[in-house]
């Protein structure tokens, strides 16, 4: 939730923006953004947006399949698989996305901007770049050991 102001001739016009992350903790996640004059309206728009943008993320047990880098704006997010029991080592914005996906063990490093909207987008973009071993084999037309 964020209160934003647009400066107009008569002064400042206040509105609210909301960033929402939805997930089933089984590999599905959606991120939504909404803006309205009232908090409730912004949240409703954000939830609707998130529900319409759900993505299926491939996981390997409780962690991600392989090391991946995501970027949005000047925010960069590096994610590395971790052994069981490590936990989610991430900032608040990235942690929300990873926990909604169902990742329990991952190491992350954030570079560049720490704008929450861009960090969430970078995290999601990195997760969407992941491929399972079977997907890579099919894309390359070979079998991997």
N, C-alpha and C. Protein backbone atom coordinates (compact mmCIF):
# COMPACT_ATOMS: atom_id res chain seq x y z
N UNK A 1 0.85 -1.17 0.00
CA UNK A 1 0.00 0.00 0.00
C UNK A 1 0.90 1.24 0.00
N UNK A 2 0.53 2.18 -0.82
CA UNK A 2 1.34 3.39 -0.91
C UNK A 2 0.43 4.57 -1.25
N UNK A 3 0.59 5.67 -0.52
CA UNK A 3 -0.18 6.87 -0.85
C UNK A 3 0.66 7.70 -1.80
N UNK A 4 0.07 8.07 -2.93
CA UNK A 4 0.78 8.86 -3.93
C UNK A 4 0.02 10.16 -4.18
N UNK A 5 0.75 11.15 -4.64
CA UNK A 5 0.13 12.46 -4.86
C UNK A 5 0.48 12.98 -6.25
N UNK A 6 -0.52 13.49 -6.94
CA UNK A 6 -0.32 14.14 -8.23
C UNK A 6 -0.51 15.64 -7.99
N UNK A 7 0.47 16.42 -8.37
CA UNK A 7 0.37 17.86 -8.17
C UNK A 7 -0.39 18.47 -9.34
N UNK A 8 -1.48 19.16 -9.01
CA UNK A 8 -2.31 19.82 -10.00
C UNK A 8 -2.40 21.30 -9.67
N UNK A 9 -3.07 22.06 -10.51
CA UNK A 9 -3.16 23.51 -10.32
C UNK A 9 -3.69 23.89 -8.93
N UNK A 10 -4.67 23.16 -8.45
CA UNK A 10 -5.29 23.47 -7.15
C UNK A 10 -4.57 22.89 -5.95
N UNK A 11 -3.45 22.21 -6.13
CA UNK A 11 -2.73 21.60 -5.01
C UNK A 11 -2.35 20.16 -5.33
N UNK A 12 -2.46 19.30 -4.32
CA UNK A 12 -2.11 17.89 -4.50
C UNK A 12 -3.36 17.04 -4.53
N UNK A 13 -3.40 16.08 -5.47
CA UNK A 13 -4.52 15.13 -5.53
C UNK A 13 -3.99 13.79 -5.04
N UNK A 14 -4.51 13.30 -3.93
CA UNK A 14 -4.03 12.06 -3.32
C UNK A 14 -4.74 10.85 -3.91
N UNK A 15 -3.99 9.76 -4.06
CA UNK A 15 -4.57 8.48 -4.45
C UNK A 15 -3.72 7.39 -3.80
N UNK A 16 -4.17 6.15 -3.93
CA UNK A 16 -3.47 5.03 -3.30
C UNK A 16 -3.10 3.99 -4.35
N UNK A 17 -1.93 3.39 -4.18
CA UNK A 17 -1.52 2.30 -5.07
C UNK A 17 -1.29 1.07 -4.22
N UNK A 18 -1.59 -0.10 -4.78
CA UNK A 18 -1.43 -1.36 -4.04
C UNK A 18 -0.71 -2.37 -4.91
N UNK A 19 0.21 -3.08 -4.31
CA UNK A 19 0.95 -4.16 -4.97
C UNK A 19 0.57 -5.45 -4.24
N UNK A 20 0.04 -6.44 -4.98
CA UNK A 20 -0.46 -7.67 -4.38
C UNK A 20 0.21 -8.87 -5.02
N UNK A 21 0.61 -9.85 -4.19
CA UNK A 21 1.18 -11.11 -4.68
C UNK A 21 0.28 -12.24 -4.22
N UNK A 22 -0.21 -13.05 -5.15
CA UNK A 22 -1.07 -14.20 -4.84
C UNK A 22 -0.35 -15.48 -5.24
N UNK A 23 -0.54 -16.54 -4.47
CA UNK A 23 0.06 -17.83 -4.82
C UNK A 23 -0.57 -18.96 -4.05
N UNK A 24 -0.38 -20.19 -4.56
CA UNK A 24 -0.94 -21.36 -3.89
C UNK A 24 0.12 -22.17 -3.15
N UNK A 25 1.36 -21.70 -3.14
CA UNK A 25 2.50 -22.38 -2.50
C UNK A 25 2.78 -23.74 -3.14
N UNK A 26 2.29 -23.93 -4.37
CA UNK A 26 2.54 -25.18 -5.10
C UNK A 26 3.07 -24.89 -6.50
N UNK A 27 3.64 -23.70 -6.69
CA UNK A 27 4.23 -23.38 -7.98
C UNK A 27 3.44 -22.40 -8.83
N UNK A 28 2.37 -21.85 -8.30
CA UNK A 28 1.58 -20.87 -9.06
C UNK A 28 1.63 -19.53 -8.34
N UNK A 29 1.87 -18.45 -9.12
CA UNK A 29 1.97 -17.12 -8.52
C UNK A 29 1.45 -16.07 -9.49
N UNK A 30 0.91 -15.00 -8.92
CA UNK A 30 0.45 -13.87 -9.72
C UNK A 30 0.75 -12.57 -9.01
N UNK A 31 1.14 -11.55 -9.76
CA UNK A 31 1.46 -10.24 -9.19
C UNK A 31 0.54 -9.22 -9.82
N UNK A 32 -0.08 -8.39 -8.97
CA UNK A 32 -1.00 -7.38 -9.49
C UNK A 32 -0.74 -6.02 -8.90
N UNK A 33 -1.06 -4.99 -9.67
CA UNK A 33 -0.88 -3.61 -9.23
C UNK A 33 -2.17 -2.86 -9.50
N UNK A 34 -2.63 -2.10 -8.50
CA UNK A 34 -3.86 -1.33 -8.66
C UNK A 34 -3.72 0.05 -8.08
N UNK A 35 -4.42 1.01 -8.67
CA UNK A 35 -4.35 2.39 -8.20
C UNK A 35 -5.76 2.98 -8.23
N UNK A 36 -6.14 3.66 -7.13
CA UNK A 36 -7.46 4.27 -7.04
C UNK A 36 -7.45 5.38 -6.01
N UNK A 37 -8.54 6.14 -5.95
CA UNK A 37 -8.64 7.23 -4.99
C UNK A 37 -8.81 6.73 -3.56
N UNK A 38 -9.36 5.50 -3.40
CA UNK A 38 -9.56 4.90 -2.08
C UNK A 38 -8.73 3.63 -1.95
N UNK A 39 -8.35 3.28 -0.70
CA UNK A 39 -7.54 2.09 -0.43
C UNK A 39 -8.25 0.84 -0.94
N UNK A 40 -9.54 0.70 -0.62
CA UNK A 40 -10.29 -0.49 -0.99
C UNK A 40 -10.32 -0.69 -2.51
N UNK A 41 -10.52 0.38 -3.24
CA UNK A 41 -10.55 0.30 -4.70
C UNK A 41 -9.21 -0.13 -5.27
N UNK A 42 -8.13 0.39 -4.70
CA UNK A 42 -6.78 0.02 -5.16
C UNK A 42 -6.53 -1.47 -4.91
N UNK A 43 -6.93 -1.97 -3.73
CA UNK A 43 -6.73 -3.38 -3.40
C UNK A 43 -7.55 -4.28 -4.33
N UNK A 44 -8.80 -3.91 -4.60
CA UNK A 44 -9.64 -4.70 -5.49
C UNK A 44 -9.04 -4.79 -6.88
N UNK A 45 -8.56 -3.65 -7.40
CA UNK A 45 -7.93 -3.63 -8.72
C UNK A 45 -6.67 -4.50 -8.74
N UNK A 46 -5.87 -4.42 -7.66
CA UNK A 46 -4.64 -5.19 -7.58
C UNK A 46 -4.93 -6.69 -7.54
N UNK A 47 -5.93 -7.11 -6.74
CA UNK A 47 -6.29 -8.53 -6.67
C UNK A 47 -6.80 -9.03 -8.02
N UNK A 48 -7.61 -8.23 -8.69
CA UNK A 48 -8.14 -8.61 -10.01
C UNK A 48 -6.98 -8.76 -11.01
N UNK A 49 -6.04 -7.83 -10.97
CA UNK A 49 -4.88 -7.86 -11.85
C UNK A 49 -4.03 -9.10 -11.57
N UNK A 50 -3.81 -9.41 -10.29
CA UNK A 50 -3.00 -10.57 -9.91
C UNK A 50 -3.65 -11.87 -10.35
N UNK A 51 -4.98 -11.97 -10.18
CA UNK A 51 -5.68 -13.19 -10.60
C UNK A 51 -5.62 -13.40 -12.11
N UNK A 52 -5.57 -12.31 -12.86
CA UNK A 52 -5.53 -12.43 -14.32
C UNK A 52 -4.12 -12.70 -14.84
N UNK A 53 -3.11 -12.60 -13.98
CA UNK A 53 -1.72 -12.79 -14.40
C UNK A 53 -1.04 -13.91 -13.63
N UNK A 54 -1.72 -15.04 -13.46
CA UNK A 54 -1.15 -16.17 -12.74
C UNK A 54 -0.19 -16.94 -13.64
N UNK A 55 0.94 -17.38 -13.07
CA UNK A 55 1.96 -18.11 -13.82
C UNK A 55 2.31 -19.40 -13.08
N UNK A 56 2.62 -20.45 -13.83
CA UNK A 56 3.06 -21.72 -13.26
C UNK A 56 4.59 -21.73 -13.28
N UNK A 57 5.20 -21.95 -12.12
CA UNK A 57 6.66 -21.92 -11.97
C UNK A 57 7.16 -23.34 -11.69
N UNK A 58 8.14 -23.84 -12.46
CA UNK A 58 8.68 -25.18 -12.17
C UNK A 58 9.58 -25.15 -10.93
N UNK A 59 9.35 -26.08 -10.02
CA UNK A 59 10.17 -26.17 -8.80
C UNK A 59 10.86 -27.53 -8.75
N UNK A 60 11.92 -27.61 -7.95
CA UNK A 60 12.64 -28.86 -7.74
C UNK A 60 12.61 -29.13 -6.24
N UNK A 61 11.58 -29.82 -5.80
CA UNK A 61 11.40 -30.05 -4.37
C UNK A 61 11.01 -28.76 -3.68
N UNK A 62 11.84 -28.33 -2.73
CA UNK A 62 11.53 -27.10 -1.98
C UNK A 62 12.33 -25.90 -2.48
N UNK A 63 13.07 -26.08 -3.58
CA UNK A 63 13.90 -24.99 -4.08
C UNK A 63 13.65 -24.77 -5.58
N UNK A 64 14.41 -23.86 -6.18
CA UNK A 64 14.27 -23.58 -7.61
C UNK A 64 15.14 -24.57 -8.39
N UNK A 65 14.89 -24.68 -9.70
CA UNK A 65 15.57 -25.68 -10.53
C UNK A 65 17.05 -25.40 -10.74
N UNK A 66 17.39 -24.12 -10.95
CA UNK A 66 18.77 -23.75 -11.23
C UNK A 66 18.97 -22.27 -10.93
N UNK A 67 20.22 -21.82 -10.96
CA UNK A 67 20.53 -20.41 -10.73
C UNK A 67 19.92 -19.57 -11.85
N UNK A 68 19.34 -18.43 -11.48
CA UNK A 68 18.66 -17.61 -12.47
C UNK A 68 18.79 -16.13 -12.10
N UNK A 69 18.76 -15.28 -13.13
CA UNK A 69 18.85 -13.83 -12.92
C UNK A 69 17.64 -13.17 -13.56
N UNK A 70 16.98 -12.29 -12.80
CA UNK A 70 15.83 -11.56 -13.33
C UNK A 70 16.11 -10.07 -13.25
N UNK A 71 15.48 -9.31 -14.15
CA UNK A 71 15.71 -7.87 -14.17
C UNK A 71 14.42 -7.13 -14.51
N UNK A 72 14.24 -5.97 -13.88
CA UNK A 72 13.12 -5.08 -14.18
C UNK A 72 13.56 -3.67 -13.83
N UNK A 73 13.53 -2.78 -14.80
CA UNK A 73 14.06 -1.44 -14.57
C UNK A 73 15.54 -1.58 -14.27
N UNK A 74 16.00 -0.97 -13.18
CA UNK A 74 17.40 -1.13 -12.79
C UNK A 74 17.56 -2.13 -11.66
N UNK A 75 16.48 -2.80 -11.28
CA UNK A 75 16.55 -3.83 -10.23
C UNK A 75 16.98 -5.15 -10.86
N UNK A 76 17.93 -5.82 -10.23
CA UNK A 76 18.40 -7.13 -10.67
C UNK A 76 18.25 -8.08 -9.49
N UNK A 77 17.79 -9.31 -9.75
CA UNK A 77 17.62 -10.29 -8.69
C UNK A 77 18.27 -11.60 -9.10
N UNK A 78 19.27 -12.02 -8.34
CA UNK A 78 19.95 -13.29 -8.59
C UNK A 78 19.40 -14.30 -7.59
N UNK A 79 18.97 -15.47 -8.08
CA UNK A 79 18.44 -16.51 -7.21
C UNK A 79 19.23 -17.80 -7.43
N UNK A 80 19.63 -18.42 -6.32
CA UNK A 80 20.45 -19.62 -6.36
C UNK A 80 19.76 -20.71 -5.54
N UNK A 81 19.66 -21.95 -6.08
CA UNK A 81 19.06 -23.04 -5.30
C UNK A 81 19.83 -23.28 -4.01
N UNK A 82 19.14 -23.70 -2.97
CA UNK A 82 19.79 -23.95 -1.68
C UNK A 82 19.38 -25.32 -1.17
N UNK A 83 20.21 -25.90 -0.30
CA UNK A 83 19.92 -27.21 0.26
C UNK A 83 18.77 -27.12 1.27
N UNK A 84 18.06 -28.23 1.49
CA UNK A 84 16.92 -28.22 2.42
C UNK A 84 17.33 -27.72 3.82
N UNK A 85 16.49 -26.89 4.40
CA UNK A 85 16.75 -26.35 5.73
C UNK A 85 17.37 -24.97 5.72
N UNK A 86 17.75 -24.47 4.53
CA UNK A 86 18.38 -23.15 4.42
C UNK A 86 17.39 -22.04 4.69
N UNK A 87 16.18 -22.18 4.15
CA UNK A 87 15.17 -21.13 4.28
C UNK A 87 15.24 -20.17 3.10
N UNK A 88 14.35 -19.18 3.13
CA UNK A 88 14.32 -18.17 2.07
C UNK A 88 15.16 -16.99 2.53
N UNK A 89 16.34 -16.85 1.94
CA UNK A 89 17.24 -15.74 2.27
C UNK A 89 17.00 -14.66 1.22
N UNK A 90 16.12 -13.70 1.55
CA UNK A 90 15.73 -12.68 0.58
C UNK A 90 15.17 -11.47 1.31
N UNK A 91 15.11 -10.36 0.60
CA UNK A 91 14.49 -9.16 1.13
C UNK A 91 12.97 -9.34 1.20
N UNK A 92 12.28 -8.41 1.80
CA UNK A 92 10.84 -8.54 2.03
C UNK A 92 10.04 -8.70 0.74
N UNK A 93 10.33 -7.89 -0.28
CA UNK A 93 9.57 -7.94 -1.53
C UNK A 93 9.78 -9.27 -2.25
N UNK A 94 11.02 -9.68 -2.39
CA UNK A 94 11.34 -10.93 -3.07
C UNK A 94 10.82 -12.13 -2.26
N UNK A 95 10.92 -12.05 -0.93
CA UNK A 95 10.45 -13.12 -0.06
C UNK A 95 8.96 -13.38 -0.26
N UNK A 96 8.17 -12.31 -0.40
CA UNK A 96 6.72 -12.46 -0.60
C UNK A 96 6.43 -13.29 -1.85
N UNK A 97 7.13 -12.99 -2.94
CA UNK A 97 6.91 -13.71 -4.20
C UNK A 97 7.35 -15.17 -4.04
N UNK A 98 8.55 -15.39 -3.51
CA UNK A 98 9.10 -16.74 -3.38
C UNK A 98 8.25 -17.61 -2.46
N UNK A 99 7.76 -17.05 -1.35
CA UNK A 99 6.93 -17.83 -0.43
C UNK A 99 5.58 -18.15 -1.04
N UNK A 100 5.01 -17.23 -1.83
CA UNK A 100 3.74 -17.50 -2.50
C UNK A 100 3.87 -18.59 -3.55
N UNK A 101 5.04 -18.68 -4.18
CA UNK A 101 5.29 -19.74 -5.17
C UNK A 101 5.38 -21.09 -4.46
N UNK A 102 5.96 -21.10 -3.27
CA UNK A 102 6.14 -22.34 -2.53
C UNK A 102 7.60 -22.71 -2.36
N UNK A 103 8.49 -21.79 -2.67
CA UNK A 103 9.92 -22.02 -2.49
C UNK A 103 10.24 -21.90 -1.00
N UNK A 104 10.91 -22.91 -0.45
CA UNK A 104 11.26 -22.89 0.97
C UNK A 104 12.75 -22.71 1.20
N UNK A 105 13.56 -23.04 0.18
CA UNK A 105 15.02 -22.95 0.32
C UNK A 105 15.62 -22.27 -0.91
N UNK A 106 16.10 -21.03 -0.73
CA UNK A 106 16.71 -20.31 -1.85
C UNK A 106 17.58 -19.19 -1.29
N UNK A 107 18.66 -18.90 -2.01
CA UNK A 107 19.53 -17.78 -1.68
C UNK A 107 19.32 -16.72 -2.75
N UNK A 108 19.18 -15.46 -2.36
CA UNK A 108 18.99 -14.40 -3.35
C UNK A 108 19.95 -13.26 -3.07
N UNK A 109 20.25 -12.51 -4.12
CA UNK A 109 21.03 -11.29 -3.99
C UNK A 109 20.39 -10.25 -4.89
N UNK A 110 20.11 -9.10 -4.31
CA UNK A 110 19.46 -8.01 -5.03
C UNK A 110 20.51 -6.97 -5.39
N UNK A 111 20.50 -6.55 -6.67
CA UNK A 111 21.43 -5.53 -7.14
C UNK A 111 20.64 -4.35 -7.69
N UNK A 112 21.22 -3.18 -7.70
CA UNK A 112 20.59 -2.00 -8.30
C UNK A 112 19.48 -1.43 -7.44
N UNK A 113 18.39 -1.08 -8.08
CA UNK A 113 17.27 -0.42 -7.42
C UNK A 113 16.62 -1.32 -6.35
N UNK A 114 16.17 -0.70 -5.27
CA UNK A 114 15.43 -1.45 -4.25
C UNK A 114 13.96 -1.02 -4.22
N UNK A 115 13.48 -0.47 -5.34
CA UNK A 115 12.08 -0.12 -5.49
C UNK A 115 11.26 -1.42 -5.42
N UNK A 116 10.33 -1.55 -4.45
CA UNK A 116 9.61 -2.81 -4.25
C UNK A 116 8.90 -3.32 -5.51
N UNK A 117 8.31 -2.44 -6.31
CA UNK A 117 7.61 -2.86 -7.51
C UNK A 117 8.57 -3.51 -8.50
N UNK A 118 9.73 -2.89 -8.72
CA UNK A 118 10.71 -3.45 -9.65
C UNK A 118 11.38 -4.71 -9.10
N UNK A 119 11.57 -4.78 -7.78
CA UNK A 119 12.15 -5.98 -7.18
C UNK A 119 11.20 -7.17 -7.36
N UNK A 120 9.91 -6.95 -7.15
CA UNK A 120 8.90 -8.00 -7.35
C UNK A 120 8.88 -8.43 -8.81
N UNK A 121 8.89 -7.47 -9.73
CA UNK A 121 8.89 -7.78 -11.15
C UNK A 121 10.15 -8.55 -11.55
N UNK A 122 11.31 -8.15 -11.03
CA UNK A 122 12.57 -8.83 -11.34
C UNK A 122 12.56 -10.26 -10.82
N UNK A 123 12.04 -10.45 -9.62
CA UNK A 123 11.95 -11.79 -9.03
C UNK A 123 11.05 -12.68 -9.88
N UNK A 124 9.89 -12.18 -10.25
CA UNK A 124 8.96 -12.95 -11.08
C UNK A 124 9.56 -13.25 -12.45
N UNK A 125 10.24 -12.26 -13.04
CA UNK A 125 10.85 -12.46 -14.35
C UNK A 125 11.92 -13.55 -14.28
N UNK A 126 12.70 -13.56 -13.20
CA UNK A 126 13.71 -14.61 -13.01
C UNK A 126 13.06 -15.98 -12.87
N UNK A 127 11.98 -16.06 -12.10
CA UNK A 127 11.29 -17.34 -11.92
C UNK A 127 10.70 -17.84 -13.24
N UNK A 128 10.22 -16.91 -14.07
CA UNK A 128 9.64 -17.30 -15.36
C UNK A 128 10.70 -17.77 -16.35
N UNK A 129 11.96 -17.41 -16.13
CA UNK A 129 13.06 -17.86 -17.01
C UNK A 129 13.49 -19.29 -16.71
N UNK A 130 13.06 -19.83 -15.56
CA UNK A 130 13.50 -21.18 -15.18
C UNK A 130 12.95 -22.24 -16.11
N UNK A 131 13.76 -23.26 -16.36
CA UNK A 131 13.37 -24.39 -17.19
C UNK A 131 13.71 -25.68 -16.44
N UNK A 132 12.87 -26.69 -16.58
CA UNK A 132 13.18 -27.99 -15.99
C UNK A 132 14.15 -28.72 -16.91
N UNK A 133 14.74 -29.79 -16.43
CA UNK A 133 15.68 -30.57 -17.24
C UNK A 133 14.98 -31.09 -18.50
N UNK A 134 13.74 -31.53 -18.35
CA UNK A 134 12.97 -32.06 -19.48
C UNK A 134 12.72 -30.98 -20.54
N UNK A 135 12.42 -29.76 -20.10
CA UNK A 135 12.18 -28.66 -21.04
C UNK A 135 13.45 -28.32 -21.83
N UNK A 136 14.59 -28.33 -21.15
CA UNK A 136 15.87 -28.03 -21.82
C UNK A 136 16.19 -29.12 -22.84
N UNK A 137 15.97 -30.39 -22.46
CA UNK A 137 16.21 -31.50 -23.39
C UNK A 137 15.36 -31.36 -24.64
N UNK A 138 14.10 -31.01 -24.47
CA UNK A 138 13.19 -30.86 -25.61
C UNK A 138 13.60 -29.68 -26.50
N UNK A 139 13.98 -28.56 -25.88
CA UNK A 139 14.41 -27.38 -26.64
C UNK A 139 15.67 -27.65 -27.46
N UNK A 140 16.62 -28.37 -26.87
CA UNK A 140 17.90 -28.63 -27.54
C UNK A 140 17.87 -29.85 -28.42
N UNK A 141 16.90 -30.74 -28.21
CA UNK A 141 16.82 -31.97 -29.00
C UNK A 141 17.85 -32.99 -28.60
N UNK A 142 18.31 -32.97 -27.35
CA UNK A 142 19.29 -33.93 -26.84
C UNK A 142 18.83 -34.43 -25.48
N UNK A 143 19.49 -35.50 -25.00
CA UNK A 143 19.22 -35.97 -23.65
C UNK A 143 20.39 -35.57 -22.76
N UNK A 144 20.08 -35.10 -21.57
CA UNK A 144 21.10 -34.67 -20.62
C UNK A 144 21.28 -35.71 -19.54
N UNK A 145 22.51 -35.82 -19.05
CA UNK A 145 22.81 -36.81 -18.01
C UNK A 145 22.20 -36.42 -16.69
